[in-house]
Amino acid sequence: MKAAPRLAAALAAWSAAGALAAPEEFNVDPAHTYPGFAVRHLGISTQRGRFDNTTGKIIIDRAAKKGSIDIAIETTSVSTGSPKIDNVLRGEDFFSVEKHPKMYFKSSSVEFDGDRPKSARGDLTLLGVTKPVTLVIDSFGCTKLPFFVRTTCGADVNTVISRSEFGMNAYSAFLSDDVRISVQIEAVKVEPAAEMPGAGG
């Protein structure tokens, strides 16, 4: 009879391990995700800005060391702290937001270091032009604090693009071609809704 509790414990452990090994799906948290950019201005300073509205979905499979990233950024939400500069950036010389209200990143592969994603290769679509980019993922971590309902993961993501490759050539005498992109990102795990007491009866 002692074998029964051991078997039950083994099955429970196996089930828990299987749950941990399953792919995890996350929704990007717009309130804690801000893609930022930095470009050299006049060769003497750095102009910075960010986008305030980002949505997307991330899937992480730690056991298989695979994942996917699908992000949409609203170009209309560009913000530099200067309304005058923001209006210029929304115009046809830069993000042309009426024609291209969003930019997109869709991964083709995700590399892992142990059970942590460390980089992602994929395509960035900006101004209707799609080019391959590689994102470096730093400081990846997850938490589920007692007062949080769901697991939240976050990271710092960085890359450098050439704006002229996407057809953004304006003010080349004043602004550098290289643009450094830095994203603070958090995403909330999608979990099955808890069954309400008495449900099904």
Protein backbone atom coordinates (compact mmCIF):
# COMPACT_ATOMS: atom_id res chain seq x y z
CA MET A 1 0.00 0.00 0.00
CA LYS A 2 2.96 2.31 0.52
CA ALA A 3 3.60 2.30 -3.21
CA ALA A 4 0.39 4.23 -3.89
CA PRO A 5 1.46 7.48 -2.17
CA ARG A 6 4.85 7.24 -3.88
CA LEU A 7 3.21 6.74 -7.26
CA ALA A 8 0.88 9.67 -6.65
CA ALA A 9 3.82 11.87 -5.64
CA ALA A 10 5.76 10.81 -8.73
CA LEU A 11 2.80 11.57 -11.00
CA ALA A 12 2.35 14.97 -9.35
CA ALA A 13 6.02 15.79 -9.84
CA TRP A 14 5.88 14.66 -13.46
CA SER A 15 2.79 16.76 -14.06
CA ALA A 16 4.41 19.83 -12.48
CA ALA A 17 7.55 19.37 -14.56
CA GLY A 18 5.42 19.06 -17.70
CA ALA A 19 3.60 22.27 -16.83
CA LEU A 20 6.88 24.11 -16.40
CA ALA A 21 8.18 22.76 -19.70
CA ALA A 22 5.15 23.88 -21.68
CA PRO A 23 5.40 26.98 -23.88
CA GLU A 24 4.38 30.16 -22.02
CA GLU A 25 2.42 32.93 -23.70
CA PHE A 26 2.73 36.57 -22.63
CA ASN A 27 0.92 39.77 -23.58
CA VAL A 28 3.01 42.93 -23.70
CA ASP A 29 2.10 45.34 -20.89
CA PRO A 30 1.72 48.76 -22.59
CA ALA A 31 1.96 50.57 -19.26
CA HIS A 32 5.50 49.29 -18.69
CA THR A 33 6.84 49.01 -22.24
CA TYR A 34 8.50 51.95 -23.96
CA PRO A 35 10.57 51.57 -27.13
CA GLY A 36 13.08 54.40 -27.17
CA PHE A 37 15.46 55.75 -29.78
CA ALA A 38 18.61 57.86 -29.76
CA VAL A 39 20.20 59.65 -32.72
CA ARG A 40 23.18 61.98 -32.86
CA HIS A 41 22.24 65.61 -33.55
CA LEU A 42 24.74 67.97 -35.21
CA GLY A 43 27.46 65.54 -34.16
CA ILE A 44 27.55 67.12 -30.70
CA SER A 45 24.55 65.75 -28.75
CA THR A 46 22.05 62.92 -28.68
CA GLN A 47 18.37 63.43 -29.48
CA ARG A 48 16.16 60.92 -27.64
CA GLY A 49 12.55 59.94 -27.91
CA ARG A 50 10.16 57.09 -27.31
CA PHE A 51 6.84 55.58 -28.38
CA ASP A 52 4.06 55.50 -25.82
CA ASN A 53 1.81 52.79 -27.30
CA THR A 54 3.07 49.25 -27.87
CA THR A 55 1.21 45.95 -28.09
CA GLY A 56 2.30 42.42 -28.82
CA LYS A 57 2.60 38.78 -27.90
CA ILE A 58 5.62 36.76 -26.75
CA ILE A 59 5.94 32.99 -26.48
CA ILE A 60 8.75 31.34 -24.51
CA ASP A 61 9.48 27.62 -24.52
CA ARG A 62 12.30 27.20 -22.03
CA ALA A 63 12.56 23.41 -22.42
CA ALA A 64 12.87 23.53 -26.21
CA LYS A 65 14.83 26.81 -26.07
CA LYS A 66 12.53 28.38 -28.61
CA GLY A 67 10.32 31.40 -28.68
CA SER A 68 8.59 34.03 -30.75
CA ILE A 69 8.11 37.79 -30.52
CA ASP A 70 5.42 39.73 -32.36
CA ILE A 71 5.33 43.46 -31.60
CA ALA A 72 3.40 46.45 -32.99
CA ILE A 73 4.43 50.02 -32.16
CA GLU A 74 2.17 52.98 -32.91
CA THR A 75 4.31 55.59 -34.67
CA THR A 76 1.63 58.17 -33.89
CA SER A 77 2.63 57.88 -30.23
CA VAL A 78 6.16 59.22 -30.77
CA SER A 79 7.21 61.52 -27.94
CA THR A 80 10.37 63.57 -27.43
CA GLY A 81 9.15 66.08 -24.85
CA SER A 82 8.90 68.73 -27.58
CA PRO A 83 5.53 69.03 -29.39
CA LYS A 84 7.25 70.85 -32.26
CA ILE A 85 9.75 68.03 -32.82
CA ASP A 86 7.00 65.42 -32.38
CA ASN A 87 5.00 67.02 -35.20
CA VAL A 88 8.05 66.96 -37.48
CA LEU A 89 8.69 63.29 -36.66
CA ARG A 90 5.06 62.41 -37.45
CA GLY A 91 5.38 64.07 -40.86
CA GLU A 92 6.39 62.61 -44.22
CA ASP A 93 10.11 63.28 -43.68
CA PHE A 94 10.23 60.76 -40.86
CA PHE A 95 7.52 58.34 -39.65
CA SER A 96 4.79 59.48 -42.07
CA VAL A 97 2.16 58.37 -39.58
CA GLU A 98 -0.85 58.89 -41.83
CA LYS A 99 0.48 56.31 -44.29
CA HIS A 100 2.29 54.13 -41.76
CA PRO A 101 0.60 54.39 -38.34
CA LYS A 102 2.50 51.38 -37.00
CA MET A 103 5.88 49.67 -37.22
CA TYR A 104 6.32 45.97 -36.56
CA PHE A 105 8.88 43.46 -35.33
CA LYS A 106 8.31 39.77 -35.93
CA SER A 107 10.97 37.28 -34.83
CA SER A 108 12.25 34.39 -36.92
CA SER A 109 14.33 32.83 -34.12
CA VAL A 110 15.16 33.35 -30.44
CA GLU A 111 18.48 32.28 -28.88
CA PHE A 112 18.72 31.17 -25.26
CA ASP A 113 21.41 31.15 -22.59
CA GLY A 114 20.20 28.37 -20.34
CA ASP A 115 16.51 29.09 -19.79
CA ARG A 116 16.81 32.82 -20.55
CA PRO A 117 16.36 34.37 -23.99
CA LYS A 118 19.48 36.38 -24.94
CA SER A 119 18.77 37.54 -28.50
CA ALA A 120 16.15 37.48 -31.21
CA ARG A 121 16.50 37.65 -34.97
CA GLY A 122 13.63 38.83 -37.07
CA ASP A 123 12.18 41.45 -39.40
CA LEU A 124 11.51 45.10 -38.62
CA THR A 125 8.93 46.78 -40.83
CA LEU A 126 9.14 50.57 -40.87
CA LEU A 127 7.67 52.92 -43.51
CA GLY A 128 6.52 49.85 -45.40
CA VAL A 129 10.10 48.56 -45.72
CA THR A 130 11.08 45.27 -44.07
CA LYS A 131 14.68 44.58 -43.04
CA PRO A 132 16.32 41.92 -40.82
CA VAL A 133 17.50 43.02 -37.38
CA THR A 134 18.94 41.31 -34.32
CA LEU A 135 17.76 42.31 -30.85
CA VAL A 136 20.03 41.85 -27.83
CA ILE A 137 18.06 40.87 -24.73
CA ASP A 138 19.58 41.90 -21.38
CA SER A 139 18.46 41.63 -17.76
CA PHE A 140 15.68 39.15 -18.51
CA GLY A 141 13.75 38.11 -15.42
CA CYS A 142 10.33 37.00 -14.20
CA THR A 143 8.44 37.51 -10.96
CA LYS A 144 5.12 36.74 -9.35
CA LEU A 145 4.87 38.88 -6.26
CA PRO A 146 2.20 38.02 -3.69
CA PHE A 147 -0.02 40.92 -4.75
CA PHE A 148 0.31 40.13 -8.49
CA VAL A 149 -2.24 37.78 -10.01
CA ARG A 150 -0.06 36.64 -12.90
CA THR A 151 3.60 36.07 -13.66
CA THR A 152 5.31 39.09 -15.22
CA CYS A 153 8.55 38.95 -17.20
CA GLY A 154 10.70 41.87 -18.24
CA ALA A 155 13.91 42.74 -20.04
CA ASP A 156 15.97 45.48 -21.64
CA VAL A 157 16.23 45.09 -25.42
CA ASN A 158 18.73 46.87 -27.66
CA THR A 159 19.71 47.13 -31.31
CA VAL A 160 21.06 49.63 -33.84
CA ILE A 161 19.50 50.29 -37.23
CA SER A 162 20.39 52.43 -40.22
CA ARG A 163 17.42 54.72 -40.87
CA SER A 164 18.36 55.23 -44.51
CA GLU A 165 17.81 51.51 -45.13
CA PHE A 166 14.13 52.12 -44.42
CA GLY A 167 13.97 55.18 -46.66
CA MET A 168 14.25 57.72 -43.83
CA ASN A 169 16.88 60.05 -45.27
CA ALA A 170 15.73 63.49 -44.13
CA TYR A 171 18.11 65.92 -42.46
CA SER A 172 21.12 63.68 -43.06
CA ALA A 173 23.41 66.70 -42.64
CA PHE A 174 22.14 67.17 -39.09
CA LEU A 175 21.13 63.70 -37.88
CA SER A 176 23.17 60.51 -37.84
CA ASP A 177 22.13 57.57 -39.99
CA ASP A 178 22.60 55.12 -37.12
CA VAL A 179 19.73 55.00 -34.65
CA ARG A 180 20.10 53.18 -31.35
CA ILE A 181 16.90 51.50 -30.20
CA SER A 182 16.42 50.60 -26.53
CA VAL A 183 13.24 49.02 -25.21
CA GLN A 184 12.17 48.53 -21.63
CA ILE A 185 9.59 45.79 -21.88
CA GLU A 186 7.32 43.90 -19.52
CA ALA A 187 4.84 41.19 -20.47
CA VAL A 188 2.17 39.40 -18.46
CA LYS A 189 1.69 35.65 -18.69
CA VAL A 190 -1.58 34.41 -20.15
CA GLU A 191 -3.05 31.94 -17.68
CA PRO A 192 -6.36 30.04 -17.64
CA ALA A 193 -9.05 31.85 -15.72
CA ALA A 194 -9.56 30.40 -12.24
CA GLU A 195 -12.71 28.32 -11.98
CA MET A 196 -15.35 30.04 -9.93
CA PRO A 197 -16.58 28.23 -6.78
CA GLY A 198 -19.57 26.11 -7.61
CA ALA A 199 -19.00 26.33 -11.36
CA GLY A 200 -20.16 23.36 -13.36
CA GLY A 201 -22.66 22.31 -10.73
